């Protein structure tokens, strides 16, 4: 448990990863305090991060981290030129746990529970949020890094067809990721519950296209476009779930990691390279999902069969036996 006095300090940033620190410490003497990921059987370590001048070949600035066993026992620095000048305060996307009220459990996510809740913003206004809870003791360092990477990407998004990101509460456990609450939930589940008119489905695919176009304009690849990764509410489709998202226009696939084979372009499966065109192909498969009421692509086939049989010429044959609206073909 983090000391309450420390947690109340605005220059304490909790489980802030190194990648965020590099963007926040800009001037000589800028500093903040954060904590490391918990290690089984070891006490939590606090880290004082300071920007200072240093003779380097590439740039004239660097930052160095110093572990603190106690905030009361004094500091031991590795370099005597370090001077603490400007505390870097929490950003507007860094929230306190006290500002989050959990009201109802919605289900389980990839890294923990998902709850409905309310977030008190700095202006005092309360908003409905979906809260992802991550218990750090059951997560690997790599999983924690993935969560914070997803949060860092989402901070840059602002579009009506992309789920809104409110921030994180990282001062203590559990780590909370805060997003807008979309009242109808996952798009595939919504489609499966009740038949929708084709006009409404047309709107859905158009809105999803706007969202994907926006993401590509921000120079990112979503890499997991599917109905299950979109939310629906207030007559709007919102792209969500950015766990596989990467910056850039080309990405080399890691052969050791699982990928959504049913939604991938045949050439991506063959060459193991993602591009924006891969996202567009996945979007096309999602359109098929929407018109077929949220059922899984390539029904009746296992993932292995899809991987083996679905090629760049014949993939449509495995989807065409499900009747979709003739409006689409006119």
C-alpha atoms as a PDB file:
ATOM      1  CA  UNK A   1       0.000   0.000   0.000  1.00  0.00           C
ATOM      2  CA  UNK A   2       1.374   3.408  -0.967  1.00  0.00           C
ATOM      3  CA  UNK A   3       1.848   5.896   1.859  1.00  0.00           C
ATOM      4  CA  UNK A   4      -1.169   8.226   1.932  1.00  0.00           C
ATOM      5  CA  UNK A   5       0.945  11.366   2.235  1.00  0.00           C
ATOM      6  CA  UNK A   6       3.044  10.364  -0.761  1.00  0.00           C
ATOM      7  CA  UNK A   7      -0.045   9.458  -2.793  1.00  0.00           C
ATOM      8  CA  UNK A   8      -1.462  12.939  -2.174  1.00  0.00           C
ATOM      9  CA  UNK A   9       1.584  14.701  -3.628  1.00  0.00           C
ATOM     10  CA  UNK A  10       0.946  15.988  -7.143  1.00  0.00           C
ATOM     11  CA  UNK A  11       4.505  15.092  -8.207  1.00  0.00           C
ATOM     12  CA  UNK A  12       3.895  11.417  -7.344  1.00  0.00           C
ATOM     13  CA  UNK A  13       2.833   9.590 -10.509  1.00  0.00           C
ATOM     14  CA  UNK A  14       2.484   6.001  -9.320  1.00  0.00           C
ATOM     15  CA  UNK A  15       3.076   3.274 -11.870  1.00  0.00           C
ATOM     16  CA  UNK A  16       4.211   5.638 -14.604  1.00  0.00           C
ATOM     17  CA  UNK A  17       6.314   3.835 -17.245  1.00  0.00           C
ATOM     18  CA  UNK A  18       9.634   5.078 -18.526  1.00  0.00           C
ATOM     19  CA  UNK A  19       8.135   5.954 -21.915  1.00  0.00           C
ATOM     20  CA  UNK A  20       5.855   8.560 -20.306  1.00  0.00           C
ATOM     21  CA  UNK A  21       8.656  10.001 -18.201  1.00  0.00           C
ATOM     22  CA  UNK A  22      10.709  10.810 -21.274  1.00  0.00           C
ATOM     23  CA  UNK A  23       7.839  12.952 -22.579  1.00  0.00           C
ATOM     24  CA  UNK A  24       7.255  14.741 -19.261  1.00  0.00           C
ATOM     25  CA  UNK A  25      10.787  15.595 -18.100  1.00  0.00           C
ATOM     26  CA  UNK A  26      11.907  18.245 -20.551  1.00  0.00           C
ATOM     27  CA  UNK A  27      14.097  20.793 -18.761  1.00  0.00           C
ATOM     28  CA  UNK A  28      17.160  20.545 -16.559  1.00  0.00           C
ATOM     29  CA  UNK A  29      16.026  19.948 -12.969  1.00  0.00           C
ATOM     30  CA  UNK A  30      12.538  18.633 -13.802  1.00  0.00           C
ATOM     31  CA  UNK A  31      11.705  15.758 -11.460  1.00  0.00           C
ATOM     32  CA  UNK A  32       8.961  13.385 -10.348  1.00  0.00           C
ATOM     33  CA  UNK A  33       8.543  10.299  -8.176  1.00  0.00           C
ATOM     34  CA  UNK A  34       7.038   7.050  -9.396  1.00  0.00           C
ATOM     35  CA  UNK A  35       6.950   3.413  -8.324  1.00  0.00           C
ATOM     36  CA  UNK A  36       8.239   0.263  -9.965  1.00  0.00           C
ATOM     37  CA  UNK A  37       6.146  -2.761 -10.853  1.00  0.00           C
ATOM     38  CA  UNK A  38       5.678  -5.088  -7.861  1.00  0.00           C
ATOM     39  CA  UNK A  39       8.007  -8.091  -7.669  1.00  0.00           C
ATOM     40  CA  UNK A  40       6.930 -11.172  -5.731  1.00  0.00           C
ATOM     41  CA  UNK A  41       8.608 -11.335  -2.338  1.00  0.00           C
ATOM     42  CA  UNK A  42      10.162  -7.881  -2.625  1.00  0.00           C
ATOM     43  CA  UNK A  43       9.028  -4.527  -1.228  1.00  0.00           C
ATOM     44  CA  UNK A  44       7.846  -1.887  -3.662  1.00  0.00           C
ATOM     45  CA  UNK A  45      10.626   0.446  -4.821  1.00  0.00           C
ATOM     46  CA  UNK A  46      10.117   4.158  -5.408  1.00  0.00           C
ATOM     47  CA  UNK A  47      12.047   5.927  -8.125  1.00  0.00           C
ATOM     48  CA  UNK A  48      13.070   9.580  -8.270  1.00  0.00           C
ATOM     49  CA  UNK A  49      13.457  10.593 -11.906  1.00  0.00           C
ATOM     50  CA  UNK A  50      15.356  13.791 -12.702  1.00  0.00           C
ATOM     51  CA  UNK A  51      16.346  15.508 -15.943  1.00  0.00           C
ATOM     52  CA  UNK A  52      19.933  16.745 -15.922  1.00  0.00           C
ATOM     53  CA  UNK A  53      22.601  17.827 -18.400  1.00  0.00           C
ATOM     54  CA  UNK A  54      25.115  15.252 -19.444  1.00  0.00           C
ATOM     55  CA  UNK A  55      27.726  15.061 -22.155  1.00  0.00           C
ATOM     56  CA  UNK A  56      26.308  12.569 -24.659  1.00  0.00           C
ATOM     57  CA  UNK A  57      27.098  11.968 -28.295  1.00  0.00           C
ATOM     58  CA  UNK A  58      23.518  12.092 -29.476  1.00  0.00           C
ATOM     59  CA  UNK A  59      21.791  14.707 -27.306  1.00  0.00           C
ATOM     60  CA  UNK A  60      22.747  16.977 -24.476  1.00  0.00           C
ATOM     61  CA  UNK A  61      20.037  15.762 -22.169  1.00  0.00           C
ATOM     62  CA  UNK A  62      19.215  12.534 -20.409  1.00  0.00           C
ATOM     63  CA  UNK A  63      17.228  11.391 -17.432  1.00  0.00           C
ATOM     64  CA  UNK A  64      18.389   9.112 -14.657  1.00  0.00           C
ATOM     65  CA  UNK A  65      16.357   7.115 -12.156  1.00  0.00           C
ATOM     66  CA  UNK A  66      17.348   6.566  -8.520  1.00  0.00           C
ATOM     67  CA  UNK A  67      15.660   3.983  -6.329  1.00  0.00           C
ATOM     68  CA  UNK A  68      14.520   5.181  -2.922  1.00  0.00           C
ATOM     69  CA  UNK A  69      14.156   2.709  -0.066  1.00  0.00           C
ATOM     70  CA  UNK A  70      12.523   5.356   2.075  1.00  0.00           C
ATOM     71  CA  UNK A  71      11.344   8.878   1.481  1.00  0.00           C
ATOM     72  CA  UNK A  72      12.388   9.802   5.017  1.00  0.00           C
ATOM     73  CA  UNK A  73      15.922   8.418   5.075  1.00  0.00           C
ATOM     74  CA  UNK A  74      17.438  10.903   2.651  1.00  0.00           C
ATOM     75  CA  UNK A  75      18.556  10.546  -0.936  1.00  0.00           C
ATOM     76  CA  UNK A  76      21.740   9.087  -2.355  1.00  0.00           C
ATOM     77  CA  UNK A  77      22.452  10.281  -5.894  1.00  0.00           C
ATOM     78  CA  UNK A  78      24.738   8.734  -8.444  1.00  0.00           C
ATOM     79  CA  UNK A  79      25.718  12.147  -9.765  1.00  0.00           C
ATOM     80  CA  UNK A  80      26.469  15.225  -7.667  1.00  0.00           C
ATOM     81  CA  UNK A  81      25.357  17.664 -10.377  1.00  0.00           C
ATOM     82  CA  UNK A  82      21.677  16.702  -9.996  1.00  0.00           C
ATOM     83  CA  UNK A  83      19.498  19.560  -8.742  1.00  0.00           C
ATOM     84  CA  UNK A  84      15.757  19.257  -8.111  1.00  0.00           C
ATOM     85  CA  UNK A  85      14.214  22.409  -9.535  1.00  0.00           C
ATOM     86  CA  UNK A  86      10.740  21.868 -10.945  1.00  0.00           C
ATOM     87  CA  UNK A  87       8.300  19.195  -9.772  1.00  0.00           C
ATOM     88  CA  UNK A  88       6.324  17.789 -12.685  1.00  0.00           C
ATOM     89  CA  UNK A  89       2.714  17.573 -11.560  1.00  0.00           C
ATOM     90  CA  UNK A  90       0.176  14.979 -12.605  1.00  0.00           C
ATOM     91  CA  UNK A  91      -1.288  15.440 -16.057  1.00  0.00           C
ATOM     92  CA  UNK A  92      -5.008  15.861 -16.665  1.00  0.00           C
ATOM     93  CA  UNK A  93      -5.234  12.176 -17.628  1.00  0.00           C
ATOM     94  CA  UNK A  94      -3.771  11.024 -14.286  1.00  0.00           C
ATOM     95  CA  UNK A  95      -6.577  10.536 -11.770  1.00  0.00           C
ATOM     96  CA  UNK A  96      -6.746   9.675  -8.093  1.00  0.00           C
ATOM     97  CA  UNK A  97      -8.431   6.464  -6.961  1.00  0.00           C
ATOM     98  CA  UNK A  98     -10.590   8.616  -4.673  1.00  0.00           C
ATOM     99  CA  UNK A  99     -12.125  10.219  -7.771  1.00  0.00           C
ATOM    100  CA  UNK A 100     -13.376   6.866  -9.100  1.00  0.00           C
ATOM    101  CA  UNK A 101     -16.557   5.215  -7.807  1.00  0.00           C
ATOM    102  CA  UNK A 102     -17.219   1.636  -8.924  1.00  0.00           C
ATOM    103  CA  UNK A 103     -20.932   0.847  -9.220  1.00  0.00           C
ATOM    104  CA  UNK A 104     -21.335  -2.480 -11.032  1.00  0.00           C
ATOM    105  CA  UNK A 105     -19.172  -5.277 -12.385  1.00  0.00           C
ATOM    106  CA  UNK A 106     -19.652  -5.716 -16.125  1.00  0.00           C
ATOM    107  CA  UNK A 107     -17.400  -8.688 -16.776  1.00  0.00           C
ATOM    108  CA  UNK A 108     -13.832  -9.867 -17.228  1.00  0.00           C
ATOM    109  CA  UNK A 109     -11.277  -8.335 -19.562  1.00  0.00           C
ATOM    110  CA  UNK A 110      -7.928  -9.535 -20.847  1.00  0.00           C
ATOM    111  CA  UNK A 111      -6.074  -8.332 -17.747  1.00  0.00           C
ATOM    112  CA  UNK A 112      -8.753  -8.197 -15.056  1.00  0.00           C
ATOM    113  CA  UNK A 113     -12.262  -7.089 -14.208  1.00  0.00           C
ATOM    114  CA  UNK A 114     -14.298  -4.445 -16.027  1.00  0.00           C
ATOM    115  CA  UNK A 115     -16.669  -2.278 -13.971  1.00  0.00           C
ATOM    116  CA  UNK A 116     -19.207   0.448 -14.549  1.00  0.00           C
ATOM    117  CA  UNK A 117     -18.419   3.533 -12.528  1.00  0.00           C
ATOM    118  CA  UNK A 118     -18.352   7.287 -12.166  1.00  0.00           C
ATOM    119  CA  UNK A 119     -15.325   9.541 -12.516  1.00  0.00           C
ATOM    120  CA  UNK A 120     -15.091  12.938 -10.862  1.00  0.00           C
ATOM    121  CA  UNK A 121     -13.249  15.255 -13.234  1.00  0.00           C
ATOM    122  CA  UNK A 122     -11.059  18.117 -12.054  1.00  0.00           C
ATOM    123  CA  UNK A 123     -13.817  20.610 -12.767  1.00  0.00           C
ATOM    124  CA  UNK A 124     -16.087  18.697 -10.380  1.00  0.00           C
ATOM    125  CA  UNK A 125     -18.290  17.190 -13.084  1.00  0.00           C
ATOM    126  CA  UNK A 126     -19.022  13.460 -12.858  1.00  0.00           C
ATOM    127  CA  UNK A 127     -19.105  11.246 -15.948  1.00  0.00           C
ATOM    128  CA  UNK A 128     -20.065   7.611 -16.472  1.00  0.00           C
ATOM    129  CA  UNK A 129     -17.056   5.443 -17.243  1.00  0.00           C
ATOM    130  CA  UNK A 130     -16.040   1.874 -17.932  1.00  0.00           C
ATOM    131  CA  UNK A 131     -13.183   0.954 -15.604  1.00  0.00           C
ATOM    132  CA  UNK A 132     -10.635  -1.737 -16.394  1.00  0.00           C
ATOM    133  CA  UNK A 133      -9.069  -3.016 -13.172  1.00  0.00           C
ATOM    134  CA  UNK A 134      -5.614  -4.584 -13.381  1.00  0.00           C
ATOM    135  CA  UNK A 135      -4.278  -6.354 -10.298  1.00  0.00           C
ATOM    136  CA  UNK A 136      -0.554  -5.944 -10.636  1.00  0.00           C
ATOM    137  CA  UNK A 137       0.440  -8.969  -8.566  1.00  0.00           C
ATOM    138  CA  UNK A 138      -1.079 -11.330 -11.142  1.00  0.00           C
ATOM    139  CA  UNK A 139       0.307  -9.533 -14.211  1.00  0.00           C
ATOM    140  CA  UNK A 140       3.717  -9.865 -15.788  1.00  0.00           C
ATOM    141  CA  UNK A 141       5.911  -6.848 -16.393  1.00  0.00           C
ATOM    142  CA  UNK A 142       5.212  -7.226 -20.115  1.00  0.00           C
ATOM    143  CA  UNK A 143       1.435  -7.201 -19.556  1.00  0.00           C
ATOM    144  CA  UNK A 144       1.657  -4.039 -17.443  1.00  0.00           C
ATOM    145  CA  UNK A 145       3.724  -2.461 -20.199  1.00  0.00           C
ATOM    146  CA  UNK A 146       1.037  -3.398 -22.759  1.00  0.00           C
ATOM    147  CA  UNK A 147      -1.708  -1.810 -20.646  1.00  0.00           C
ATOM    148  CA  UNK A 148       0.184   1.458 -20.294  1.00  0.00           C
ATOM    149  CA  UNK A 149       1.125   1.442 -23.981  1.00  0.00           C
ATOM    150  CA  UNK A 150      -2.549   1.155 -24.914  1.00  0.00           C
ATOM    151  CA  UNK A 151      -3.390   4.011 -22.546  1.00  0.00           C
ATOM    152  CA  UNK A 152      -0.622   6.167 -23.993  1.00  0.00           C
ATOM    153  CA  UNK A 153      -1.927   5.684 -27.537  1.00  0.00           C
ATOM    154  CA  UNK A 154      -5.545   6.398 -26.592  1.00  0.00           C
ATOM    155  CA  UNK A 155      -4.615   9.771 -25.091  1.00  0.00           C
ATOM    156  CA  UNK A 156      -4.080  11.035 -28.632  1.00  0.00           C
ATOM    157  CA  UNK A 157      -7.499  10.019 -29.967  1.00  0.00           C
ATOM    158  CA  UNK A 158     -10.505  12.347 -30.174  1.00  0.00           C
ATOM    159  CA  UNK A 159     -13.218  11.229 -32.574  1.00  0.00           C
ATOM    160  CA  UNK A 160     -16.939  10.425 -32.201  1.00  0.00           C
ATOM    161  CA  UNK A 161     -16.393   6.936 -33.651  1.00  0.00           C
ATOM    162  CA  UNK A 162     -13.440   6.054 -31.416  1.00  0.00           C
ATOM    163  CA  UNK A 163     -14.061   5.286 -27.754  1.00  0.00           C
ATOM    164  CA  UNK A 164     -13.077   8.213 -25.520  1.00  0.00           C
ATOM    165  CA  UNK A 165     -10.190   7.755 -23.086  1.00  0.00           C
ATOM    166  CA  UNK A 166     -10.378   9.603 -19.762  1.00  0.00           C
ATOM    167  CA  UNK A 167      -7.077   8.459 -18.295  1.00  0.00           C
ATOM    168  CA  UNK A 168      -5.605   6.165 -15.676  1.00  0.00           C
ATOM    169  CA  UNK A 169      -5.545   5.932 -11.902  1.00  0.00           C
ATOM    170  CA  UNK A 170      -2.059   4.577 -11.269  1.00  0.00           C
ATOM    171  CA  UNK A 171      -1.194   5.915  -7.815  1.00  0.00           C
ATOM    172  CA  UNK A 172      -1.930   2.613  -6.094  1.00  0.00           C
ATOM    173  CA  UNK A 173      -3.362  -0.823  -6.790  1.00  0.00           C
ATOM    174  CA  UNK A 174      -5.390  -1.840  -8.622  1.00  0.00           C
ATOM    175  CA  UNK A 175      -4.324   0.035 -11.725  1.00  0.00           C
ATOM    176  CA  UNK A 176      -7.413   1.592 -13.342  1.00  0.00           C
ATOM    177  CA  UNK A 177      -7.891   2.443 -17.013  1.00  0.00           C
ATOM    178  CA  UNK A 178     -10.842   4.813 -17.487  1.00  0.00           C
ATOM    179  CA  UNK A 179     -12.897   5.057 -20.690  1.00  0.00           C
ATOM    180  CA  UNK A 180     -16.301   6.345 -21.690  1.00  0.00           C
ATOM    181  CA  UNK A 181     -19.198   4.030 -20.909  1.00  0.00           C
ATOM    182  CA  UNK A 182     -20.970   2.982 -24.118  1.00  0.00           C
ATOM    183  CA  UNK A 183     -24.415   1.797 -23.082  1.00  0.00           C
ATOM    184  CA  UNK A 184     -25.142  -1.030 -25.540  1.00  0.00           C
ATOM    185  CA  UNK A 185     -21.803  -2.772 -25.135  1.00  0.00           C
ATOM    186  CA  UNK A 186     -19.917  -4.788 -27.742  1.00  0.00           C
ATOM    187  CA  UNK A 187     -21.211  -4.449 -31.295  1.00  0.00           C
ATOM    188  CA  UNK A 188     -21.256  -8.189 -32.029  1.00  0.00           C
ATOM    189  CA  UNK A 189     -23.354  -8.907 -28.923  1.00  0.00           C
ATOM    190  CA  UNK A 190     -25.736  -6.072 -29.768  1.00  0.00           C
ATOM    191  CA  UNK A 191     -26.269  -7.456 -33.273  1.00  0.00           C
ATOM    192  CA  UNK A 192     -26.850 -10.980 -31.970  1.00  0.00           C
ATOM    193  CA  UNK A 193     -29.568  -9.893 -29.545  1.00  0.00           C
ATOM    194  CA  UNK A 194     -31.941  -8.252 -32.008  1.00  0.00           C
ATOM    195  CA  UNK A 195     -32.266  -8.101 -35.783  1.00  0.00           C
ATOM    196  CA  UNK A 196     -31.470  -4.620 -37.093  1.00  0.00           C
ATOM    197  CA  UNK A 197     -32.810  -3.065 -40.324  1.00  0.00           C
ATOM    198  CA  UNK A 198     -30.355  -2.904 -43.188  1.00  0.00           C
ATOM    199  CA  UNK A 199     -30.441   0.910 -43.131  1.00  0.00           C
ATOM    200  CA  UNK A 200     -29.137   0.864 -39.576  1.00  0.00           C
ATOM    201  CA  UNK A 201     -26.439  -1.626 -40.527  1.00  0.00           C
ATOM    202  CA  UNK A 202     -25.408   0.672 -43.377  1.00  0.00           C
ATOM    203  CA  UNK A 203     -24.963   3.463 -40.829  1.00  0.00           C
ATOM    204  CA  UNK A 204     -22.871   1.165 -38.646  1.00  0.00           C
ATOM    205  CA  UNK A 205     -20.391   0.299 -41.372  1.00  0.00           C
ATOM    206  CA  UNK A 206     -20.133   3.962 -42.404  1.00  0.00           C
ATOM    207  CA  UNK A 207     -19.409   5.062 -38.828  1.00  0.00           C
ATOM    208  CA  UNK A 208     -16.805   2.320 -38.408  1.00  0.00           C
ATOM    209  CA  UNK A 209     -15.167   3.489 -41.648  1.00  0.00           C
ATOM    210  CA  UNK A 210     -14.961   7.040 -40.291  1.00  0.00           C
ATOM    211  CA  UNK A 211     -13.365   5.771 -37.103  1.00  0.00           C
ATOM    212  CA  UNK A 212     -10.786   3.685 -38.964  1.00  0.00           C
ATOM    213  CA  UNK A 213     -10.009   6.527 -41.365  1.00  0.00           C
ATOM    214  CA  UNK A 214      -9.338   8.742 -38.346  1.00  0.00           C
ATOM    215  CA  UNK A 215      -6.993   6.196 -36.738  1.00  0.00           C
ATOM    216  CA  UNK A 216      -5.005   5.906 -39.950  1.00  0.00           C
ATOM    217  CA  UNK A 217      -4.779   9.699 -40.115  1.00  0.00           C
ATOM    218  CA  UNK A 218      -3.121   9.517 -36.676  1.00  0.00           C
ATOM    219  CA  UNK A 219      -0.506   7.169 -38.152  1.00  0.00           C
ATOM    220  CA  UNK A 220      -1.513   4.052 -36.224  1.00  0.00           C
ATOM    221  CA  UNK A 221      -2.487   0.509 -37.181  1.00  0.00           C
ATOM    222  CA  UNK A 222      -5.334  -0.927 -35.111  1.00  0.00           C
ATOM    223  CA  UNK A 223      -4.488  -4.538 -36.070  1.00  0.00           C
ATOM    224  CA  UNK A 224      -7.652  -6.034 -34.540  1.00  0.00           C
ATOM    225  CA  UNK A 225     -10.652  -4.526 -36.318  1.00  0.00           C
ATOM    226  CA  UNK A 226     -13.682  -6.730 -35.587  1.00  0.00           C
ATOM    227  CA  UNK A 227     -17.255  -6.341 -34.361  1.00  0.00           C
ATOM    228  CA  UNK A 228     -16.222  -7.660 -30.937  1.00  0.00           C
ATOM    229  CA  UNK A 229     -13.765  -4.765 -30.656  1.00  0.00           C
ATOM    230  CA  UNK A 230     -16.315  -2.065 -31.408  1.00  0.00           C
ATOM    231  CA  UNK A 231     -18.849  -0.649 -28.974  1.00  0.00           C
ATOM    232  CA  UNK A 232     -22.334   0.598 -29.785  1.00  0.00           C
ATOM    233  CA  UNK A 233     -24.428   3.191 -28.012  1.00  0.00           C
ATOM    234  CA  UNK A 234     -26.518   6.277 -28.758  1.00  0.00           C
ATOM    235  CA  UNK A 235     -26.726   5.107 -32.390  1.00  0.00           C
ATOM    236  CA  UNK A 236     -22.949   5.280 -32.808  1.00  0.00           C
ATOM    237  CA  UNK A 237     -20.274   2.684 -33.497  1.00  0.00           C
ATOM    238  CA  UNK A 238     -17.072   3.349 -31.584  1.00  0.00           C
ATOM    239  CA  UNK A 239     -13.831   1.510 -32.310  1.00  0.00           C
ATOM    240  CA  UNK A 240     -12.197   0.284 -29.102  1.00  0.00           C
ATOM    241  CA  UNK A 241      -9.692  -2.269 -27.759  1.00  0.00           C
ATOM    242  CA  UNK A 242      -6.270  -0.984 -28.757  1.00  0.00           C
ATOM    243  CA  UNK A 243      -4.211  -3.772 -27.210  1.00  0.00           C
ATOM    244  CA  UNK A 244      -2.623  -4.716 -30.549  1.00  0.00           C
ATOM    245  CA  UNK A 245      -2.431  -1.178 -31.933  1.00  0.00           C
ATOM    246  CA  UNK A 246       0.982   0.054 -33.062  1.00  0.00           C
ATOM    247  CA  UNK A 247       2.268   3.368 -34.352  1.00  0.00           C
ATOM    248  CA  UNK A 248       3.340   3.588 -37.982  1.00  0.00           C
ATOM    249  CA  UNK A 249       2.021   2.363 -41.317  1.00  0.00           C
ATOM    250  CA  UNK A 250       3.865  -0.988 -41.453  1.00  0.00           C
ATOM    251  CA  UNK A 251       4.362  -3.537 -38.679  1.00  0.00           C
ATOM    252  CA  UNK A 252       6.210  -6.862 -38.681  1.00  0.00           C
ATOM    253  CA  UNK A 253       4.114  -9.563 -37.022  1.00  0.00           C
ATOM    254  CA  UNK A 254       5.634 -11.466 -34.097  1.00  0.00           C
ATOM    255  CA  UNK A 255       5.288 -15.159 -35.068  1.00  0.00           C
ATOM    256  CA  UNK A 256       5.149 -16.182 -31.409  1.00  0.00           C
ATOM    257  CA  UNK A 257       2.061 -14.118 -30.560  1.00  0.00           C
ATOM    258  CA  UNK A 258      -1.565 -14.977 -31.217  1.00  0.00           C
ATOM    259  CA  UNK A 259      -3.333 -13.032 -33.956  1.00  0.00           C
ATOM    260  CA  UNK A 260      -7.013 -12.777 -35.044  1.00  0.00           C
ATOM    261  CA  UNK A 261      -6.683 -15.122 -38.033  1.00  0.00           C
ATOM    262  CA  UNK A 262     -10.373 -15.014 -39.023  1.00  0.00           C
ATOM    263  CA  UNK A 263     -10.079 -11.270 -39.658  1.00  0.00           C
ATOM    264  CA  UNK A 264      -6.639 -11.126 -41.282  1.00  0.00           C
ATOM    265  CA  UNK A 265      -5.879 -10.609 -44.952  1.00  0.00           C
ATOM    266  CA  UNK A 266      -4.411 -13.720 -46.630  1.00  0.00           C
ATOM    267  CA  UNK A 267      -1.266 -11.826 -47.643  1.00  0.00           C
ATOM    268  CA  UNK A 268      -0.737 -10.741 -44.036  1.00  0.00           C
ATOM    269  CA  UNK A 269      -0.916 -14.355 -42.901  1.00  0.00           C
ATOM    270  CA  UNK A 270       1.583 -15.286 -45.610  1.00  0.00           C
ATOM    271  CA  UNK A 271       4.058 -12.401 -45.284  1.00  0.00           C
ATOM    272  CA  UNK A 272       3.541 -11.613 -41.564  1.00  0.00           C
ATOM    273  CA  UNK A 273       3.403  -7.887 -42.315  1.00  0.00           C
ATOM    274  CA  UNK A 274       0.605  -5.531 -41.250  1.00  0.00           C
ATOM    275  CA  UNK A 275      -0.254  -2.397 -43.201  1.00  0.00           C
ATOM    276  CA  UNK A 276      -3.203  -0.034 -43.316  1.00  0.00           C
ATOM    277  CA  UNK A 277      -4.585  -2.280 -46.054  1.00  0.00           C
ATOM    278  CA  UNK A 278      -4.651  -5.123 -43.511  1.00  0.00           C
ATOM    279  CA  UNK A 279      -6.914  -2.996 -41.323  1.00  0.00           C
ATOM    280  CA  UNK A 280      -9.129  -2.278 -44.325  1.00  0.00           C
ATOM    281  CA  UNK A 281      -9.436  -6.002 -45.105  1.00  0.00           C
ATOM    282  CA  UNK A 282     -10.363  -6.674 -41.462  1.00  0.00           C
ATOM    283  CA  UNK A 283     -12.918  -3.873 -41.738  1.00  0.00           C
ATOM    284  CA  UNK A 284     -14.414  -5.686 -44.733  1.00  0.00           C
ATOM    285  CA  UNK A 285     -14.748  -8.867 -42.676  1.00  0.00           C
ATOM    286  CA  UNK A 286     -16.407  -6.791 -39.953  1.00  0.00           C
ATOM    287  CA  UNK A 287     -18.917  -5.486 -42.507  1.00  0.00           C
ATOM    288  CA  UNK A 288     -19.781  -9.130 -43.213  1.00  0.00           C
ATOM    289  CA  UNK A 289     -20.253  -9.634 -39.450  1.00  0.00           C
ATOM    290  CA  UNK A 290     -22.591  -6.655 -39.235  1.00  0.00           C
ATOM    291  CA  UNK A 291     -24.790  -7.788 -42.113  1.00  0.00           C
ATOM    292  CA  UNK A 292     -24.884 -11.311 -40.662  1.00  0.00           C
ATOM    293  CA  UNK A 293     -25.988 -10.215 -37.187  1.00  0.00           C
ATOM    294  CA  UNK A 294     -22.657 -10.526 -35.431  1.00  0.00           C
ATOM    295  CA  UNK A 295     -21.861 -14.171 -36.150  1.00  0.00           C
ATOM    296  CA  UNK A 296     -18.216 -15.229 -36.323  1.00  0.00           C
ATOM    297  CA  UNK A 297     -16.572 -15.190 -39.776  1.00  0.00           C
ATOM    298  CA  UNK A 298     -16.060 -18.507 -41.570  1.00  0.00           C
ATOM    299  CA  UNK A 299     -18.755 -20.337 -39.579  1.00  0.00           C
ATOM    300  CA  UNK A 300     -18.200 -24.060 -39.187  1.00  0.00           C
ATOM    301  CA  UNK A 301     -14.451 -23.789 -39.726  1.00  0.00           C
ATOM    302  CA  UNK A 302     -11.742 -24.045 -37.097  1.00  0.00           C
ATOM    303  CA  UNK A 303      -8.977 -21.445 -36.916  1.00  0.00           C
ATOM    304  CA  UNK A 304      -6.554 -24.012 -38.338  1.00  0.00           C
ATOM    305  CA  UNK A 305      -8.883 -24.655 -41.287  1.00  0.00           C
ATOM    306  CA  UNK A 306      -9.210 -20.935 -41.961  1.00  0.00           C
ATOM    307  CA  UNK A 307      -5.440 -20.534 -41.840  1.00  0.00           C
ATOM    308  CA  UNK A 308      -4.919 -23.446 -44.224  1.00  0.00           C
ATOM    309  CA  UNK A 309      -7.739 -22.983 -46.734  1.00  0.00           C
ATOM    310  CA  UNK A 310      -8.537 -19.287 -46.970  1.00  0.00           C
ATOM    311  CA  UNK A 311      -6.409 -17.734 -49.701  1.00  0.00           C
ATOM    312  CA  UNK A 312      -6.372 -14.392 -51.530  1.00  0.00           C
ATOM    313  CA  UNK A 313      -8.558 -15.699 -54.368  1.00  0.00           C
ATOM    314  CA  UNK A 314     -11.044 -18.011 -52.673  1.00  0.00           C
ATOM    315  CA  UNK A 315     -11.619 -16.485 -49.216  1.00  0.00           C
ATOM    316  CA  UNK A 316     -15.004 -15.044 -50.272  1.00  0.00           C
ATOM    317  CA  UNK A 317     -16.329 -18.523 -51.080  1.00  0.00           C
ATOM    318  CA  UNK A 318     -16.187 -19.460 -47.404  1.00  0.00           C
ATOM    319  CA  UNK A 319     -18.290 -16.433 -46.461  1.00  0.00           C
ATOM    320  CA  UNK A 320     -20.806 -16.313 -49.298  1.00  0.00           C
ATOM    321  CA  UNK A 321     -22.961 -19.251 -48.203  1.00  0.00           C
ATOM    322  CA  UNK A 322     -24.546 -17.110 -45.485  1.00  0.00           C
ATOM    323  CA  UNK A 323     -27.351 -15.005 -46.956  1.00  0.00           C
ATOM    324  CA  UNK A 324     -26.819 -11.283 -46.548  1.00  0.00           C
ATOM    325  CA  UNK A 325     -29.084  -8.479 -47.634  1.00  0.00           C
ATOM    326  CA  UNK A 326     -29.438  -8.239 -51.430  1.00  0.00           C
ATOM    327  CA  UNK A 327     -29.268  -4.468 -50.991  1.00  0.00           C
ATOM    328  CA  UNK A 328     -25.502  -4.836 -50.651  1.00  0.00           C
ATOM    329  CA  UNK A 329     -25.157  -6.380 -54.094  1.00  0.00           C
ATOM    330  CA  UNK A 330     -27.292  -3.888 -55.998  1.00  0.00           C
END
